[in-house]
Amino acid sequence: MGREQDDWTGPAILNPNSPLAARYRELFAGYTHSADGTTAAVVCMLEPQSKPNASGEGSVSQSQMNTVGDPRAVTIAELEGIVSDLPDGLAPGRARRGGR
């Protein structure tokens, strides 16, 4: 009397044969993905930009924030590159920045 072996090799949360995975997907529908499963969210937590101290050191100008060397800008550009070139005919969704 054992459990039937499942041949699924992908991430457990995506297993179409798992009742637990189905319940988790249902629970988070509308937060991490659309209810129909065709859209998924991508969340990226970035380190805060440095704030100037009393002497003005550590301040970041707007032009500096837009440079290639800015780790935040580089991360965002790399993410945009990934979502604009998805495999298997997947279409990118509309990016929303700043929680708007």
PDB file of N, CA and C in Angstrom:
ATOM      1  N   MET A   1       0.827  -1.181   0.000  1.00  0.00           N
ATOM      2  CA  MET A   1       0.000   0.000   0.000  1.00  0.00           C
ATOM      3  C   MET A   1       0.869   1.240   0.000  1.00  0.00           C
ATOM      4  N   GLY A   2       1.509   1.536  -1.066  1.00  0.00           N
ATOM      5  CA  GLY A   2       2.318   2.746  -1.166  1.00  0.00           C
ATOM      6  C   GLY A   2       1.695   3.740  -2.114  1.00  0.00           C
ATOM      7  N   ARG A   3       2.278   4.909  -2.121  1.00  0.00           N
ATOM      8  CA  ARG A   3       1.815   5.930  -3.049  1.00  0.00           C
ATOM      9  C   ARG A   3       2.241   5.554  -4.456  1.00  0.00           C
ATOM     10  N   GLU A   4       1.411   5.916  -5.410  1.00  0.00           N
ATOM     11  CA  GLU A   4       1.737   5.668  -6.805  1.00  0.00           C
ATOM     12  C   GLU A   4       2.885   6.577  -7.217  1.00  0.00           C
ATOM     13  N   GLN A   5       3.870   6.037  -7.913  1.00  0.00           N
ATOM     14  CA  GLN A   5       5.030   6.801  -8.339  1.00  0.00           C
ATOM     15  C   GLN A   5       4.634   7.770  -9.438  1.00  0.00           C
ATOM     16  N   ASP A   6       5.058   9.011  -9.307  1.00  0.00           N
ATOM     17  CA  ASP A   6       4.782  10.046 -10.291  1.00  0.00           C
ATOM     18  C   ASP A   6       6.042  10.256 -11.120  1.00  0.00           C
ATOM     19  N   ASP A   7       5.908  10.358 -12.433  1.00  0.00           N
ATOM     20  CA  ASP A   7       7.057  10.532 -13.318  1.00  0.00           C
ATOM     21  C   ASP A   7       7.459  11.992 -13.493  1.00  0.00           C
ATOM     22  N   TRP A   8       6.806  12.902 -12.793  1.00  0.00           N
ATOM     23  CA  TRP A   8       7.092  14.325 -12.931  1.00  0.00           C
ATOM     24  C   TRP A   8       8.523  14.610 -12.494  1.00  0.00           C
ATOM     25  N   THR A   9       9.276  15.356 -13.319  1.00  0.00           N
ATOM     26  CA  THR A   9      10.664  15.667 -12.985  1.00  0.00           C
ATOM     27  C   THR A   9      10.903  17.160 -12.770  1.00  0.00           C
ATOM     28  N   GLY A  10       9.887  17.969 -12.993  1.00  0.00           N
ATOM     29  CA  GLY A  10      10.044  19.413 -12.821  1.00  0.00           C
ATOM     30  C   GLY A  10       9.837  19.827 -11.372  1.00  0.00           C
ATOM     31  N   PRO A  11       9.766  21.148 -11.138  1.00  0.00           N
ATOM     32  CA  PRO A  11       9.536  21.641  -9.780  1.00  0.00           C
ATOM     33  C   PRO A  11       8.211  21.119  -9.229  1.00  0.00           C
ATOM     34  N   ALA A  12       8.211  20.726  -7.971  1.00  0.00           N
ATOM     35  CA  ALA A  12       7.026  20.113  -7.360  1.00  0.00           C
ATOM     36  C   ALA A  12       5.794  21.004  -7.458  1.00  0.00           C
ATOM     37  N   ILE A  13       5.958  22.306  -7.337  1.00  0.00           N
ATOM     38  CA  ILE A  13       4.816  23.220  -7.362  1.00  0.00           C
ATOM     39  C   ILE A  13       4.129  23.236  -8.732  1.00  0.00           C
ATOM     40  N   LEU A  14       4.820  22.802  -9.772  1.00  0.00           N
ATOM     41  CA  LEU A  14       4.248  22.777 -11.119  1.00  0.00           C
ATOM     42  C   LEU A  14       3.699  21.410 -11.520  1.00  0.00           C
ATOM     43  N   ASN A  15       3.822  20.435 -10.643  1.00  0.00           N
ATOM     44  CA  ASN A  15       3.382  19.077 -10.958  1.00  0.00           C
ATOM     45  C   ASN A  15       1.871  19.059 -11.204  1.00  0.00           C
ATOM     46  N   PRO A  16       1.444  18.756 -12.425  1.00  0.00           N
ATOM     47  CA  PRO A  16       0.013  18.748 -12.736  1.00  0.00           C
ATOM     48  C   PRO A  16      -0.735  17.601 -12.052  1.00  0.00           C
ATOM     49  N   ASN A  17      -0.013  16.629 -11.515  1.00  0.00           N
ATOM     50  CA  ASN A  17      -0.643  15.478 -10.859  1.00  0.00           C
ATOM     51  C   ASN A  17      -0.692  15.604  -9.343  1.00  0.00           C
ATOM     52  N   SER A  18      -0.227  16.725  -8.797  1.00  0.00           N
ATOM     53  CA  SER A  18      -0.150  16.891  -7.355  1.00  0.00           C
ATOM     54  C   SER A  18      -1.304  17.733  -6.822  1.00  0.00           C
ATOM     55  N   PRO A  19      -2.156  17.137  -5.981  1.00  0.00           N
ATOM     56  CA  PRO A  19      -3.240  17.921  -5.372  1.00  0.00           C
ATOM     57  C   PRO A  19      -2.704  19.060  -4.494  1.00  0.00           C
ATOM     58  N   LEU A  20      -1.581  18.836  -3.802  1.00  0.00           N
ATOM     59  CA  LEU A  20      -0.996  19.886  -2.972  1.00  0.00           C
ATOM     60  C   LEU A  20      -0.518  21.049  -3.840  1.00  0.00           C
ATOM     61  N   ALA A  21       0.156  20.745  -4.937  1.00  0.00           N
ATOM     62  CA  ALA A  21       0.624  21.787  -5.844  1.00  0.00           C
ATOM     63  C   ALA A  21      -0.558  22.571  -6.409  1.00  0.00           C
ATOM     64  N   ALA A  22      -1.623  21.875  -6.762  1.00  0.00           N
ATOM     65  CA  ALA A  22      -2.821  22.550  -7.279  1.00  0.00           C
ATOM     66  C   ALA A  22      -3.408  23.505  -6.245  1.00  0.00           C
ATOM     67  N   ARG A  23      -3.422  23.092  -4.981  1.00  0.00           N
ATOM     68  CA  ARG A  23      -3.954  23.962  -3.923  1.00  0.00           C
ATOM     69  C   ARG A  23      -3.062  25.190  -3.724  1.00  0.00           C
ATOM     70  N   TYR A  24      -1.750  25.014  -3.784  1.00  0.00           N
ATOM     71  CA  TYR A  24      -0.844  26.158  -3.669  1.00  0.00           C
ATOM     72  C   TYR A  24      -1.032  27.117  -4.838  1.00  0.00           C
ATOM     73  N   ARG A  25      -1.139  26.577  -6.050  1.00  0.00           N
ATOM     74  CA  ARG A  25      -1.344  27.449  -7.214  1.00  0.00           C
ATOM     75  C   ARG A  25      -2.659  28.208  -7.083  1.00  0.00           C
ATOM     76  N   GLU A  26      -3.687  27.548  -6.594  1.00  0.00           N
ATOM     77  CA  GLU A  26      -4.981  28.206  -6.404  1.00  0.00           C
ATOM     78  C   GLU A  26      -4.870  29.299  -5.334  1.00  0.00           C
ATOM     79  N   LEU A  27      -4.168  29.014  -4.247  1.00  0.00           N
ATOM     80  CA  LEU A  27      -4.008  29.972  -3.162  1.00  0.00           C
ATOM     81  C   LEU A  27      -3.321  31.254  -3.639  1.00  0.00           C
ATOM     82  N   PHE A  28      -2.284  31.127  -4.472  1.00  0.00           N
ATOM     83  CA  PHE A  28      -1.505  32.285  -4.883  1.00  0.00           C
ATOM     84  C   PHE A  28      -1.945  32.890  -6.211  1.00  0.00           C
ATOM     85  N   ALA A  29      -2.997  32.350  -6.837  1.00  0.00           N
ATOM     86  CA  ALA A  29      -3.511  32.918  -8.083  1.00  0.00           C
ATOM     87  C   ALA A  29      -3.915  34.370  -7.834  1.00  0.00           C
ATOM     88  N   GLY A  30      -3.494  35.227  -8.715  1.00  0.00           N
ATOM     89  CA  GLY A  30      -3.774  36.646  -8.574  1.00  0.00           C
ATOM     90  C   GLY A  30      -2.648  37.400  -7.894  1.00  0.00           C
ATOM     91  N   TYR A  31      -1.742  36.678  -7.258  1.00  0.00           N
ATOM     92  CA  TYR A  31      -0.577  37.297  -6.614  1.00  0.00           C
ATOM     93  C   TYR A  31       0.685  37.001  -7.410  1.00  0.00           C
ATOM     94  N   THR A  32       1.003  35.732  -7.561  1.00  0.00           N
ATOM     95  CA  THR A  32       2.228  35.345  -8.258  1.00  0.00           C
ATOM     96  C   THR A  32       1.978  34.945  -9.710  1.00  0.00           C
ATOM     97  N   HIS A  33       0.745  34.687 -10.051  1.00  0.00           N
ATOM     98  CA  HIS A  33       0.391  34.267 -11.402  1.00  0.00           C
ATOM     99  C   HIS A  33      -1.096  34.497 -11.630  1.00  0.00           C
ATOM    100  N   SER A  34      -1.494  34.492 -12.895  1.00  0.00           N
ATOM    101  CA  SER A  34      -2.909  34.652 -13.211  1.00  0.00           C
ATOM    102  C   SER A  34      -3.658  33.356 -12.907  1.00  0.00           C
ATOM    103  N   ALA A  35      -4.949  33.480 -12.670  1.00  0.00           N
ATOM    104  CA  ALA A  35      -5.761  32.299 -12.337  1.00  0.00           C
ATOM    105  C   ALA A  35      -5.735  31.259 -13.455  1.00  0.00           C
ATOM    106  N   ASP A  36      -5.621  31.716 -14.708  1.00  0.00           N
ATOM    107  CA  ASP A  36      -5.597  30.755 -15.816  1.00  0.00           C
ATOM    108  C   ASP A  36      -4.201  30.186 -16.080  1.00  0.00           C
ATOM    109  N   GLY A  37      -3.199  30.656 -15.320  1.00  0.00           N
ATOM    110  CA  GLY A  37      -1.852  30.109 -15.439  1.00  0.00           C
ATOM    111  C   GLY A  37      -1.074  30.587 -16.647  1.00  0.00           C
ATOM    112  N   THR A  38      -1.562  31.599 -17.355  1.00  0.00           N
ATOM    113  CA  THR A  38      -0.859  32.060 -18.544  1.00  0.00           C
ATOM    114  C   THR A  38       0.099  33.216 -18.275  1.00  0.00           C
ATOM    115  N   THR A  39       0.023  33.813 -17.084  1.00  0.00           N
ATOM    116  CA  THR A  39       0.863  34.951 -16.748  1.00  0.00           C
ATOM    117  C   THR A  39       1.484  34.736 -15.380  1.00  0.00           C
ATOM    118  N   ALA A  40       2.759  35.037 -15.256  1.00  0.00           N
ATOM    119  CA  ALA A  40       3.441  34.913 -13.971  1.00  0.00           C
ATOM    120  C   ALA A  40       4.108  36.231 -13.619  1.00  0.00           C
ATOM    121  N   ALA A  41       4.216  36.492 -12.339  1.00  0.00           N
ATOM    122  CA  ALA A  41       4.872  37.703 -11.856  1.00  0.00           C
ATOM    123  C   ALA A  41       6.357  37.459 -11.677  1.00  0.00           C
ATOM    124  N   VAL A  42       7.125  38.505 -11.877  1.00  0.00           N
ATOM    125  CA  VAL A  42       8.553  38.472 -11.591  1.00  0.00           C
ATOM    126  C   VAL A  42       8.806  39.596 -10.598  1.00  0.00           C
ATOM    127  N   VAL A  43       9.363  39.259  -9.469  1.00  0.00           N
ATOM    128  CA  VAL A  43       9.652  40.247  -8.445  1.00  0.00           C
ATOM    129  C   VAL A  43      11.148  40.271  -8.226  1.00  0.00           C
ATOM    130  N   CYS A  44      11.694  41.455  -8.164  1.00  0.00           N
ATOM    131  CA  CYS A  44      13.128  41.611  -7.946  1.00  0.00           C
ATOM    132  C   CYS A  44      13.318  42.657  -6.863  1.00  0.00           C
ATOM    133  N   MET A  45      13.916  42.259  -5.758  1.00  0.00           N
ATOM    134  CA  MET A  45      14.207  43.185  -4.663  1.00  0.00           C
ATOM    135  C   MET A  45      15.594  43.773  -4.906  1.00  0.00           C
ATOM    136  N   LEU A  46      15.658  45.082  -5.082  1.00  0.00           N
ATOM    137  CA  LEU A  46      16.921  45.766  -5.330  1.00  0.00           C
ATOM    138  C   LEU A  46      17.402  46.442  -4.060  1.00  0.00           C
ATOM    139  N   GLU A  47      18.712  46.523  -3.918  1.00  0.00           N
ATOM    140  CA  GLU A  47      19.290  47.258  -2.800  1.00  0.00           C
ATOM    141  C   GLU A  47      18.913  48.729  -2.967  1.00  0.00           C
ATOM    142  N   PRO A  48      18.619  49.417  -1.871  1.00  0.00           N
ATOM    143  CA  PRO A  48      18.303  50.850  -1.983  1.00  0.00           C
ATOM    144  C   PRO A  48      19.489  51.626  -2.544  1.00  0.00           C
ATOM    145  N   GLN A  49      19.178  52.683  -3.282  1.00  0.00           N
ATOM    146  CA  GLN A  49      20.246  53.541  -3.764  1.00  0.00           C
ATOM    147  C   GLN A  49      20.832  54.261  -2.571  1.00  0.00           C
ATOM    148  N   SER A  50      22.136  54.526  -2.639  1.00  0.00           N
ATOM    149  CA  SER A  50      22.776  55.183  -1.503  1.00  0.00           C
ATOM    150  C   SER A  50      22.224  56.595  -1.340  1.00  0.00           C
ATOM    151  N   LYS A  51      22.123  57.025  -0.093  1.00  0.00           N
ATOM    152  CA  LYS A  51      21.637  58.360   0.218  1.00  0.00           C
ATOM    153  C   LYS A  51      22.826  59.196   0.659  1.00  0.00           C
ATOM    154  N   PRO A  52      22.793  60.490   0.364  1.00  0.00           N
ATOM    155  CA  PRO A  52      23.929  61.325   0.758  1.00  0.00           C
ATOM    156  C   PRO A  52      24.011  61.465   2.268  1.00  0.00           C
ATOM    157  N   ASN A  53      25.239  61.538   2.755  1.00  0.00           N
ATOM    158  CA  ASN A  53      25.415  61.802   4.175  1.00  0.00           C
ATOM    159  C   ASN A  53      25.502  63.315   4.375  1.00  0.00           C
ATOM    160  N   ALA A  54      25.783  63.758   5.556  1.00  0.00           N
ATOM    161  CA  ALA A  54      25.793  65.191   5.865  1.00  0.00           C
ATOM    162  C   ALA A  54      26.758  65.971   4.979  1.00  0.00           C
ATOM    163  N   SER A  55      27.874  65.367   4.579  1.00  0.00           N
ATOM    164  CA  SER A  55      28.861  66.074   3.760  1.00  0.00           C
ATOM    165  C   SER A  55      28.561  65.974   2.273  1.00  0.00           C
ATOM    166  N   GLY A  56      27.500  65.253   1.934  1.00  0.00           N
ATOM    167  CA  GLY A  56      27.159  65.083   0.526  1.00  0.00           C
ATOM    168  C   GLY A  56      27.824  63.882  -0.105  1.00  0.00           C
ATOM    169  N   GLU A  57      28.721  63.232   0.647  1.00  0.00           N
ATOM    170  CA  GLU A  57      29.387  62.043   0.117  1.00  0.00           C
ATOM    171  C   GLU A  57      28.384  60.900   0.014  1.00  0.00           C
ATOM    172  N   GLY A  58      28.566  60.112  -0.980  1.00  0.00           N
ATOM    173  CA  GLY A  58      27.683  58.962  -1.159  1.00  0.00           C
ATOM    174  C   GLY A  58      26.430  59.304  -1.928  1.00  0.00           C
ATOM    175  N   SER A  59      26.293  60.565  -2.341  1.00  0.00           N
ATOM    176  CA  SER A  59      25.108  60.925  -3.099  1.00  0.00           C
ATOM    177  C   SER A  59      25.236  60.402  -4.520  1.00  0.00           C
ATOM    178  N   VAL A  60      24.106  60.137  -5.138  1.00  0.00           N
ATOM    179  CA  VAL A  60      24.075  59.604  -6.489  1.00  0.00           C
ATOM    180  C   VAL A  60      23.249  60.551  -7.348  1.00  0.00           C
ATOM    181  N   SER A  61      23.864  61.072  -8.411  1.00  0.00           N
ATOM    182  CA  SER A  61      23.132  61.971  -9.297  1.00  0.00           C
ATOM    183  C   SER A  61      22.244  61.162 -10.233  1.00  0.00           C
ATOM    184  N   GLN A  62      21.270  61.846 -10.837  1.00  0.00           N
ATOM    185  CA  GLN A  62      20.373  61.167 -11.770  1.00  0.00           C
ATOM    186  C   GLN A  62      21.159  60.586 -12.933  1.00  0.00           C
ATOM    187  N   SER A  63      22.164  61.318 -13.427  1.00  0.00           N
ATOM    188  CA  SER A  63      22.948  60.799 -14.552  1.00  0.00           C
ATOM    189  C   SER A  63      23.747  59.569 -14.150  1.00  0.00           C
ATOM    190  N   GLN A  64      24.229  59.535 -12.895  1.00  0.00           N
ATOM    191  CA  GLN A  64      24.959  58.363 -12.427  1.00  0.00           C
ATOM    192  C   GLN A  64      24.032  57.148 -12.316  1.00  0.00           C
ATOM    193  N   MET A  65      22.766  57.383 -11.924  1.00  0.00           N
ATOM    194  CA  MET A  65      21.832  56.270 -11.776  1.00  0.00           C
ATOM    195  C   MET A  65      21.522  55.620 -13.104  1.00  0.00           C
ATOM    196  N   ASN A  66      21.676  56.342 -14.202  1.00  0.00           N
ATOM    197  CA  ASN A  66      21.350  55.815 -15.517  1.00  0.00           C
ATOM    198  C   ASN A  66      22.545  55.222 -16.241  1.00  0.00           C
ATOM    199  N   THR A  67      23.692  55.152 -15.589  1.00  0.00           N
ATOM    200  CA  THR A  67      24.881  54.626 -16.248  1.00  0.00           C
ATOM    201  C   THR A  67      24.896  53.110 -16.215  1.00  0.00           C
ATOM    202  N   VAL A  68      25.668  52.557 -17.124  1.00  0.00           N
ATOM    203  CA  VAL A  68      25.782  51.111 -17.224  1.00  0.00           C
ATOM    204  C   VAL A  68      26.386  50.522 -15.957  1.00  0.00           C
ATOM    205  N   GLY A  69      27.226  51.261 -15.246  1.00  0.00           N
ATOM    206  CA  GLY A  69      27.877  50.759 -14.054  1.00  0.00           C
ATOM    207  C   GLY A  69      26.978  50.699 -12.833  1.00  0.00           C
ATOM    208  N   ASP A  70      25.783  51.255 -12.909  1.00  0.00           N
ATOM    209  CA  ASP A  70      24.863  51.229 -11.777  1.00  0.00           C
ATOM    210  C   ASP A  70      24.289  49.819 -11.643  1.00  0.00           C
ATOM    211  N   PRO A  71      24.556  49.127 -10.527  1.00  0.00           N
ATOM    212  CA  PRO A  71      24.077  47.749 -10.379  1.00  0.00           C
ATOM    213  C   PRO A  71      22.559  47.617 -10.518  1.00  0.00           C
ATOM    214  N   ARG A  72      21.815  48.607 -10.049  1.00  0.00           N
ATOM    215  CA  ARG A  72      20.350  48.545 -10.178  1.00  0.00           C
ATOM    216  C   ARG A  72      19.934  48.606 -11.643  1.00  0.00           C
ATOM    217  N   ALA A  73      20.537  49.550 -12.386  1.00  0.00           N
ATOM    218  CA  ALA A  73      20.216  49.693 -13.806  1.00  0.00           C
ATOM    219  C   ALA A  73      20.619  48.446 -14.584  1.00  0.00           C
ATOM    220  N   VAL A  74      21.768  47.885 -14.241  1.00  0.00           N
ATOM    221  CA  VAL A  74      22.239  46.670 -14.913  1.00  0.00           C
ATOM    222  C   VAL A  74      21.273  45.515 -14.651  1.00  0.00           C
ATOM    223  N   THR A  75      20.848  45.350 -13.400  1.00  0.00           N
ATOM    224  CA  THR A  75      19.912  44.277 -13.049  1.00  0.00           C
ATOM    225  C   THR A  75      18.603  44.430 -13.804  1.00  0.00           C
ATOM    226  N   ILE A  76      18.063  45.640 -13.823  1.00  0.00           N
ATOM    227  CA  ILE A  76      16.791  45.882 -14.522  1.00  0.00           C
ATOM    228  C   ILE A  76      16.943  45.612 -16.011  1.00  0.00           C
ATOM    229  N   ALA A  77      18.042  46.067 -16.609  1.00  0.00           N
ATOM    230  CA  ALA A  77      18.272  45.831 -18.038  1.00  0.00           C
ATOM    231  C   ALA A  77      18.383  44.337 -18.339  1.00  0.00           C
ATOM    232  N   GLU A  78      19.073  43.595 -17.472  1.00  0.00           N
ATOM    233  CA  GLU A  78      19.201  42.149 -17.682  1.00  0.00           C
ATOM    234  C   GLU A  78      17.853  41.454 -17.567  1.00  0.00           C
ATOM    235  N   LEU A  79      17.033  41.853 -16.595  1.00  0.00           N
ATOM    236  CA  LEU A  79      15.693  41.269 -16.462  1.00  0.00           C
ATOM    237  C   LEU A  79      14.842  41.579 -17.684  1.00  0.00           C
ATOM    238  N   GLU A  80      14.902  42.816 -18.165  1.00  0.00           N
ATOM    239  CA  GLU A  80      14.152  43.175 -19.366  1.00  0.00           C
ATOM    240  C   GLU A  80      14.609  42.342 -20.559  1.00  0.00           C
ATOM    241  N   GLY A  81      15.905  42.072 -20.653  1.00  0.00           N
ATOM    242  CA  GLY A  81      16.418  41.233 -21.728  1.00  0.00           C
ATOM    243  C   GLY A  81      15.893  39.806 -21.652  1.00  0.00           C
ATOM    244  N   ILE A  82      15.807  39.291 -20.443  1.00  0.00           N
ATOM    245  CA  ILE A  82      15.298  37.924 -20.249  1.00  0.00           C
ATOM    246  C   ILE A  82      13.828  37.835 -20.638  1.00  0.00           C
ATOM    247  N   VAL A  83      13.014  38.763 -20.155  1.00  0.00           N
ATOM    248  CA  VAL A  83      11.573  38.657 -20.414  1.00  0.00           C
ATOM    249  C   VAL A  83      11.205  39.041 -21.835  1.00  0.00           C
ATOM    250  N   SER A  84      12.117  39.687 -22.554  1.00  0.00           N
ATOM    251  CA  SER A  84      11.801  40.023 -23.944  1.00  0.00           C
ATOM    252  C   SER A  84      12.228  38.918 -24.910  1.00  0.00           C
ATOM    253  N   ASP A  85      12.909  37.888 -24.404  1.00  0.00           N
ATOM    254  CA  ASP A  85      13.374  36.790 -25.247  1.00  0.00           C
ATOM    255  C   ASP A  85      13.028  35.454 -24.573  1.00  0.00           C
ATOM    256  N   LEU A  86      11.745  35.185 -24.439  1.00  0.00           N
ATOM    257  CA  LEU A  86      11.291  33.981 -23.749  1.00  0.00           C
ATOM    258  C   LEU A  86      11.238  32.783 -24.694  1.00  0.00           C
ATOM    259  N   PRO A  87      11.465  31.583 -24.175  1.00  0.00           N
ATOM    260  CA  PRO A  87      11.457  30.378 -25.016  1.00  0.00           C
ATOM    261  C   PRO A  87      10.049  29.859 -25.282  1.00  0.00           C
ATOM    262  N   ASP A  88       9.977  28.911 -26.169  1.00  0.00           N
ATOM    263  CA  ASP A  88       8.761  28.142 -26.427  1.00  0.00           C
ATOM    264  C   ASP A  88       7.546  28.992 -26.787  1.00  0.00           C
ATOM    265  N   GLY A  89       7.760  30.071 -27.505  1.00  0.00           N
ATOM    266  CA  GLY A  89       6.647  30.890 -27.954  1.00  0.00           C
ATOM    267  C   GLY A  89       5.957  31.681 -26.865  1.00  0.00           C
ATOM    268  N   LEU A  90       6.576  31.793 -25.699  1.00  0.00           N
ATOM    269  CA  LEU A  90       5.972  32.571 -24.624  1.00  0.00           C
ATOM    270  C   LEU A  90       6.072  34.050 -24.952  1.00  0.00           C
ATOM    271  N   ALA A  91       5.029  34.787 -24.664  1.00  0.00           N
ATOM    272  CA  ALA A  91       5.022  36.218 -24.942  1.00  0.00           C
ATOM    273  C   ALA A  91       5.234  36.991 -23.650  1.00  0.00           C
ATOM    274  N   PRO A  92       6.100  38.013 -23.677  1.00  0.00           N
ATOM    275  CA  PRO A  92       6.295  38.816 -22.470  1.00  0.00           C
ATOM    276  C   PRO A  92       5.064  39.658 -22.172  1.00  0.00           C
ATOM    277  N   GLY A  93       4.844  39.886 -20.895  1.00  0.00           N
ATOM    278  CA  GLY A  93       3.753  40.767 -20.476  1.00  0.00           C
ATOM    279  C   GLY A  93       4.248  42.188 -20.401  1.00  0.00           C
ATOM    280  N   ARG A  94       3.394  43.054 -19.977  1.00  0.00           N
ATOM    281  CA  ARG A  94       3.738  44.462 -19.842  1.00  0.00           C
ATOM    282  C   ARG A  94       4.446  44.679 -18.510  1.00  0.00           C
ATOM    283  N   ALA A  95       5.617  45.259 -18.552  1.00  0.00           N
ATOM    284  CA  ALA A  95       6.374  45.512 -17.317  1.00  0.00           C
ATOM    285  C   ALA A  95       5.769  46.688 -16.573  1.00  0.00           C
ATOM    286  N   ARG A  96       5.694  46.545 -15.247  1.00  0.00           N
ATOM    287  CA  ARG A  96       5.247  47.649 -14.405  1.00  0.00           C
ATOM    288  C   ARG A  96       6.348  47.914 -13.399  1.00  0.00           C
ATOM    289  N   ARG A  97       6.742  49.144 -13.300  1.00  0.00           N
ATOM    290  CA  ARG A  97       7.814  49.522 -12.368  1.00  0.00           C
ATOM    291  C   ARG A  97       7.237  50.359 -11.240  1.00  0.00           C
ATOM    292  N   GLY A  98       7.853  50.245 -10.107  1.00  0.00           N
ATOM    293  CA  GLY A  98       7.504  51.090  -8.989  1.00  0.00           C
ATOM    294  C   GLY A  98       6.155  50.795  -8.377  1.00  0.00           C
ATOM    295  N   GLY A  99       5.609  49.608  -8.612  1.00  0.00           N
ATOM    296  CA  GLY A  99       4.339  49.212  -8.005  1.00  0.00           C
ATOM    297  C   GLY A  99       3.139  49.944  -8.563  1.00  0.00           C
ATOM    298  N   ARG A 100       3.253  50.508  -9.745  1.00  0.00           N
ATOM    299  CA  ARG A 100       2.115  51.241 -10.326  1.00  0.00           C
ATOM    300  C   ARG A 100       1.261  50.358 -11.157  1.00  0.00           C
TER     301      ARG A 100
END
